[in-house]
Amino acid sequence: MEELTERQLREIEYHKQRAVRVRQVGTPVSYKVLDRPERRWWNHHWADYAVLCGLQVPGKCILIPGCGDGADAILLNKLGAQVHAFDLSPDMLDVARERADREEASVEFRQMAAEQLSYADNTFDVIFARDILHHCDLARCLPEFLRVLKPGGVFLIDELYTHRALQRLRESRFGLWLRSKLWNTIYPEGDEYISEDERKLTECDLAAVKSVLTDVTCRYFGMFVWRFMGHRDAAAKIDRVVLKMLGPAGFLFAGRFILTGTARK
């Protein structure tokens, strides 16, 4: 890897502690999401797998950037994909390798930064980026993802998002006060999992991603779920229905988007 930035070094240090917590909790890999994922249409993670299963992934070469504890890499290998995964954190990669070994999954793990990939051009049929871009320099990592994606390859992104106007409100005195009052409701287990340098993608970032892809579809989630409360199915259903009714205006209020597009090459 090239010399790491101060931001990247802080991310590595943060995830060293995160890896300790993941090992302590010891959550097993759940395969429920592979069983008719479309039936939980209000859940963004299940919506990801509805897309992935529709891509007929067996035999395809798939990249998981920022693979974390390795769950997505393991699940996609179980679906029959040839899976490559990387993470900046060596400690999280150790966790991912341990889990893959326990689950008898075949995944090629590497340590690298999203801003400088060591893969060859036109390697992957699919890139599945979940909750990674808000940790990265988007202007640097996006061209790298496009470089390693095959012509016509599919880029699936599931990301934290906020419109800049809402973010300004969130960072205002009132927003900080409201957040303090709702802390236990938003994070009932006390696990905030927010690193110092991460930044949610904005409408400008979303537009930049759309500009380099074709056949783009974008769906919005999380208008109030995770912003004002933890994830409860009943609330998440209402949340998703309201955002669907808002249509394109959902980008004003959403807290997350799922975007699918093909490489513009």
Protein backbone atom coordinates (compact mmCIF):
# COMPACT_ATOMS: atom_id res chain seq x y z
CA MET A 1 0.00 0.00 0.00
CA GLU A 2 1.01 3.60 -0.53
CA GLU A 3 1.72 5.71 2.55
CA LEU A 4 -1.46 6.05 4.55
CA THR A 5 -3.08 9.38 5.34
CA GLU A 6 -3.77 10.59 8.87
CA ARG A 7 -7.46 9.86 8.31
CA GLN A 8 -6.74 6.29 7.25
CA LEU A 9 -4.45 5.74 10.24
CA ARG A 10 -7.22 6.94 12.57
CA GLU A 11 -9.67 4.55 10.90
CA ILE A 12 -7.25 1.65 11.44
CA GLU A 13 -6.84 2.56 15.11
CA TYR A 14 -10.61 2.90 15.61
CA HIS A 15 -11.30 -0.48 14.01
CA LYS A 16 -8.67 -2.14 16.17
CA GLN A 17 -11.02 -1.54 19.08
CA ARG A 18 -14.03 -2.42 16.95
CA ALA A 19 -12.51 -5.83 16.17
CA VAL A 20 -12.19 -6.53 19.89
CA ARG A 21 -15.87 -5.76 20.41
CA VAL A 22 -16.95 -7.92 17.44
CA ARG A 23 -15.01 -10.86 18.87
CA GLN A 24 -16.52 -10.32 22.32
CA VAL A 25 -20.08 -10.26 20.98
CA GLY A 26 -19.41 -13.25 18.71
CA THR A 27 -22.51 -12.81 16.54
CA PRO A 28 -22.81 -15.79 14.17
CA VAL A 29 -23.29 -15.29 10.44
CA SER A 30 -27.01 -15.30 9.66
CA TYR A 31 -28.19 -16.87 6.41
CA LYS A 32 -31.81 -15.72 6.77
CA VAL A 33 -31.27 -12.92 4.27
CA LEU A 34 -30.72 -15.50 1.51
CA ASP A 35 -34.20 -16.97 1.99
CA ARG A 36 -36.49 -14.95 -0.30
CA PRO A 37 -34.93 -11.59 0.60
CA GLU A 38 -37.70 -9.69 -1.17
CA ARG A 39 -40.15 -10.64 1.59
CA ARG A 40 -38.58 -8.06 3.92
CA TRP A 41 -38.87 -5.22 1.40
CA TRP A 42 -38.65 -2.54 4.06
CA ASN A 43 -35.19 -3.63 5.25
CA HIS A 44 -32.31 -2.13 3.26
CA HIS A 45 -29.99 -5.09 3.86
CA TRP A 46 -32.58 -7.57 2.63
CA ALA A 47 -33.23 -5.28 -0.34
CA ASP A 48 -29.52 -5.58 -1.20
CA TYR A 49 -29.81 -9.34 -1.40
CA ALA A 50 -32.98 -9.18 -3.46
CA VAL A 51 -30.86 -7.31 -6.03
CA LEU A 52 -27.88 -9.64 -5.68
CA CYS A 53 -29.96 -12.81 -6.02
CA GLY A 54 -31.56 -11.31 -9.12
CA LEU A 55 -28.12 -10.89 -10.69
CA GLN A 56 -27.59 -14.66 -10.81
CA VAL A 57 -24.28 -14.44 -8.98
CA PRO A 58 -23.10 -18.11 -9.11
CA GLY A 59 -19.77 -18.16 -10.94
CA LYS A 60 -19.50 -14.36 -11.07
CA CYS A 61 -16.50 -12.48 -9.71
CA ILE A 62 -17.64 -10.13 -6.94
CA LEU A 63 -15.74 -7.51 -4.94
CA ILE A 64 -16.70 -6.53 -1.38
CA PRO A 65 -14.93 -3.26 -0.47
CA GLY A 66 -14.49 -2.51 3.22
CA CYS A 67 -15.61 -6.03 4.08
CA GLY A 68 -15.47 -5.53 7.85
CA ASP A 69 -16.32 -8.75 9.69
CA GLY A 70 -16.73 -10.60 6.38
CA ALA A 71 -20.44 -11.42 6.59
CA ASP A 72 -21.35 -10.22 3.09
CA ALA A 73 -18.31 -11.95 1.57
CA ILE A 74 -19.31 -15.22 3.23
CA LEU A 75 -22.95 -14.95 2.16
CA LEU A 76 -22.07 -14.27 -1.47
CA ASN A 77 -19.62 -17.16 -1.57
CA LYS A 78 -22.38 -19.41 -0.24
CA LEU A 79 -24.48 -18.21 -3.20
CA GLY A 80 -21.76 -19.55 -5.52
CA ALA A 81 -19.84 -16.35 -6.33
CA GLN A 82 -16.07 -16.02 -6.59
CA VAL A 83 -15.59 -13.46 -3.85
CA HIS A 84 -12.73 -11.04 -3.30
CA ALA A 85 -12.87 -8.74 -0.28
CA PHE A 86 -10.62 -6.11 1.21
CA ASP A 87 -10.47 -3.84 4.22
CA LEU A 88 -8.13 -1.14 5.45
CA SER A 89 -8.11 -2.61 8.96
CA PRO A 90 -5.84 -5.64 9.51
CA ASP A 91 -7.71 -6.39 12.74
CA MET A 92 -11.11 -6.57 11.04
CA LEU A 93 -9.57 -8.69 8.29
CA ASP A 94 -8.41 -11.17 10.95
CA VAL A 95 -11.99 -11.35 12.22
CA ALA A 96 -13.30 -11.84 8.68
CA ARG A 97 -10.83 -14.63 7.93
CA GLU A 98 -11.69 -16.39 11.18
CA ARG A 99 -15.41 -16.25 10.39
CA ALA A 100 -14.87 -17.44 6.82
CA ASP A 101 -12.83 -20.39 8.11
CA ARG A 102 -15.56 -21.33 10.59
CA GLU A 103 -18.21 -21.11 7.86
CA GLU A 104 -16.03 -23.01 5.36
CA ALA A 105 -16.32 -20.13 2.89
CA SER A 106 -13.74 -19.49 0.19
CA VAL A 107 -12.93 -15.77 0.04
CA GLU A 108 -9.75 -14.00 -1.03
CA PHE A 109 -9.12 -11.32 1.57
CA ARG A 110 -6.59 -8.51 1.14
CA GLN A 111 -5.61 -5.42 3.08
CA MET A 112 -5.79 -2.23 1.05
CA ALA A 113 -7.32 1.22 0.86
CA ALA A 114 -10.31 1.87 -1.37
CA GLU A 115 -8.45 4.84 -2.85
CA GLN A 116 -5.75 2.60 -4.36
CA LEU A 117 -6.84 -0.89 -5.37
CA SER A 118 -4.31 -3.56 -6.29
CA TYR A 119 -6.70 -5.47 -8.57
CA ALA A 120 -6.24 -5.50 -12.34
CA ASP A 121 -8.48 -3.50 -14.68
CA ASN A 122 -11.83 -5.04 -15.66
CA THR A 123 -11.73 -7.80 -13.04
CA PHE A 124 -15.16 -7.84 -11.42
CA ASP A 125 -18.69 -8.54 -12.62
CA VAL A 126 -20.22 -6.98 -9.51
CA ILE A 127 -19.05 -4.60 -6.79
CA PHE A 128 -21.16 -4.55 -3.64
CA ALA A 129 -20.24 -1.54 -1.48
CA ARG A 130 -22.19 -1.44 1.78
CA ASP A 131 -21.46 1.25 4.36
CA ILE A 132 -17.94 1.90 3.12
CA LEU A 133 -18.00 5.02 0.93
CA HIS A 134 -18.70 7.34 3.86
CA HIS A 135 -15.35 6.24 5.31
CA CYS A 136 -13.44 7.06 2.09
CA ASP A 137 -12.32 9.86 -0.18
CA LEU A 138 -15.08 9.43 -2.75
CA ALA A 139 -13.32 11.44 -5.46
CA ARG A 140 -10.35 9.05 -5.29
CA CYS A 141 -12.03 5.70 -4.72
CA LEU A 142 -14.84 6.00 -7.27
CA PRO A 143 -12.48 5.96 -10.31
CA GLU A 144 -10.72 2.94 -8.80
CA PHE A 145 -13.96 1.01 -8.47
CA LEU A 146 -14.86 1.81 -12.08
CA ARG A 147 -11.38 0.76 -13.23
CA VAL A 148 -11.66 -2.74 -11.76
CA LEU A 149 -15.32 -3.21 -12.77
CA LYS A 150 -15.86 -4.93 -16.11
CA PRO A 151 -17.67 -3.06 -18.91
CA GLY A 152 -21.34 -3.54 -18.16
CA GLY A 153 -20.50 -4.68 -14.64
CA VAL A 154 -22.96 -3.86 -11.85
CA PHE A 155 -22.17 -1.47 -9.01
CA LEU A 156 -24.49 -1.92 -6.01
CA ILE A 157 -24.15 0.70 -3.29
CA ASP A 158 -25.93 0.75 0.08
CA GLU A 159 -24.88 3.89 1.92
CA LEU A 160 -25.58 6.28 4.75
CA TYR A 161 -26.88 9.54 3.34
CA THR A 162 -28.12 12.96 4.32
CA HIS A 163 -29.21 16.04 2.44
CA ARG A 164 -26.92 18.92 3.35
CA ALA A 165 -29.81 21.01 4.69
CA LEU A 166 -30.78 18.25 7.11
CA GLN A 167 -27.18 17.77 8.13
CA ARG A 168 -26.90 21.46 9.00
CA LEU A 169 -30.01 21.08 11.15
CA ARG A 170 -28.54 17.95 12.75
CA GLU A 171 -25.37 19.84 13.64
CA SER A 172 -27.26 22.85 14.99
CA ARG A 173 -27.72 23.49 18.70
CA PHE A 174 -31.29 22.19 18.50
CA GLY A 175 -30.21 19.10 16.56
CA LEU A 176 -27.50 18.23 19.07
CA TRP A 177 -29.96 18.72 21.93
CA LEU A 178 -32.56 16.48 20.27
CA ARG A 179 -29.95 13.81 19.57
CA SER A 180 -28.90 13.77 23.21
CA LYS A 181 -32.52 13.22 24.29
CA LEU A 182 -33.03 10.37 21.81
CA TRP A 183 -29.65 8.69 22.32
CA ASN A 184 -30.96 5.61 24.14
CA THR A 185 -33.77 5.19 21.63
CA ILE A 186 -31.46 5.40 18.61
CA TYR A 187 -28.75 3.22 20.16
CA PRO A 188 -30.55 0.94 22.64
CA GLU A 189 -27.44 -1.25 23.00
CA GLY A 190 -25.11 1.71 23.41
CA ASP A 191 -23.12 0.89 20.26
CA GLU A 192 -22.94 4.04 18.16
CA TYR A 193 -20.20 2.78 15.78
CA ILE A 194 -19.24 6.16 14.34
CA SER A 195 -15.58 6.85 13.65
CA GLU A 196 -14.06 10.33 13.87
CA ASP A 197 -13.63 10.95 10.15
CA GLU A 198 -16.64 9.29 8.56
CA ARG A 199 -19.06 11.55 6.71
CA LYS A 200 -22.45 10.59 5.33
CA LEU A 201 -22.82 11.00 1.58
CA THR A 202 -24.77 14.07 0.47
CA GLU A 203 -26.91 14.82 -2.55
CA CYS A 204 -23.76 16.12 -4.27
CA ASP A 205 -21.97 12.80 -3.69
CA LEU A 206 -25.01 10.90 -4.91
CA ALA A 207 -25.07 12.98 -8.09
CA ALA A 208 -21.35 12.28 -8.64
CA VAL A 209 -21.95 8.53 -8.37
CA LYS A 210 -24.91 8.65 -10.73
CA SER A 211 -22.89 10.60 -13.30
CA VAL A 212 -20.42 7.73 -13.87
CA LEU A 213 -23.01 4.96 -14.14
CA THR A 214 -25.77 4.05 -16.56
CA ASP A 215 -29.13 2.33 -16.02
CA VAL A 216 -29.23 3.79 -12.53
CA THR A 217 -31.95 2.95 -10.04
CA CYS A 218 -32.00 4.55 -6.60
CA ARG A 219 -34.24 3.80 -3.63
CA TYR A 220 -34.39 5.66 -0.33
CA PHE A 221 -34.65 4.33 3.22
CA GLY A 222 -34.44 5.60 6.77
CA MET A 223 -36.31 8.89 6.96
CA PHE A 224 -36.72 8.47 10.72
CA VAL A 225 -35.58 4.91 11.47
CA TRP A 226 -32.02 5.09 12.90
CA ARG A 227 -32.29 8.88 13.00
CA PHE A 228 -34.82 9.02 15.83
CA MET A 229 -35.17 5.38 16.84
CA GLY A 230 -33.61 1.97 16.47
CA HIS A 231 -34.69 -0.40 13.70
CA ARG A 232 -38.17 -1.75 14.39
CA ASP A 233 -39.99 -3.58 11.62
CA ALA A 234 -43.32 -1.75 11.98
CA ALA A 235 -41.63 1.65 11.94
CA ALA A 236 -39.35 0.63 9.07
CA LYS A 237 -42.36 -0.44 6.97
CA ILE A 238 -44.06 2.93 7.46
CA ASP A 239 -40.76 4.71 6.80
CA ARG A 240 -40.23 2.87 3.52
CA VAL A 241 -43.82 3.38 2.32
CA VAL A 242 -43.65 7.13 2.98
CA LEU A 243 -40.37 7.44 1.08
CA LYS A 244 -41.80 5.46 -1.84
CA MET A 245 -44.77 7.83 -1.94
CA LEU A 246 -42.38 10.79 -1.99
CA GLY A 247 -40.70 9.33 -5.09
CA PRO A 248 -37.77 11.44 -6.36
CA ALA A 249 -38.33 13.89 -3.49
CA GLY A 250 -37.13 11.16 -1.13
CA PHE A 251 -33.58 12.43 -1.58
CA LEU A 252 -34.51 15.41 0.60
CA PHE A 253 -35.41 13.35 3.66
CA ALA A 254 -33.75 9.92 3.42
CA GLY A 255 -31.02 8.65 5.72
CA ARG A 256 -29.84 5.90 3.39
CA PHE A 257 -29.95 4.98 -0.28
CA ILE A 258 -29.53 1.83 -2.32
CA LEU A 259 -28.22 2.53 -5.80
CA THR A 260 -27.67 0.10 -8.66
CA GLY A 261 -25.99 1.00 -11.94
CA THR A 262 -23.70 -0.35 -14.63
CA ALA A 263 -20.22 0.86 -15.43
CA ARG A 264 -20.07 3.69 -17.97
CA LYS A 265 -17.03 2.60 -20.08
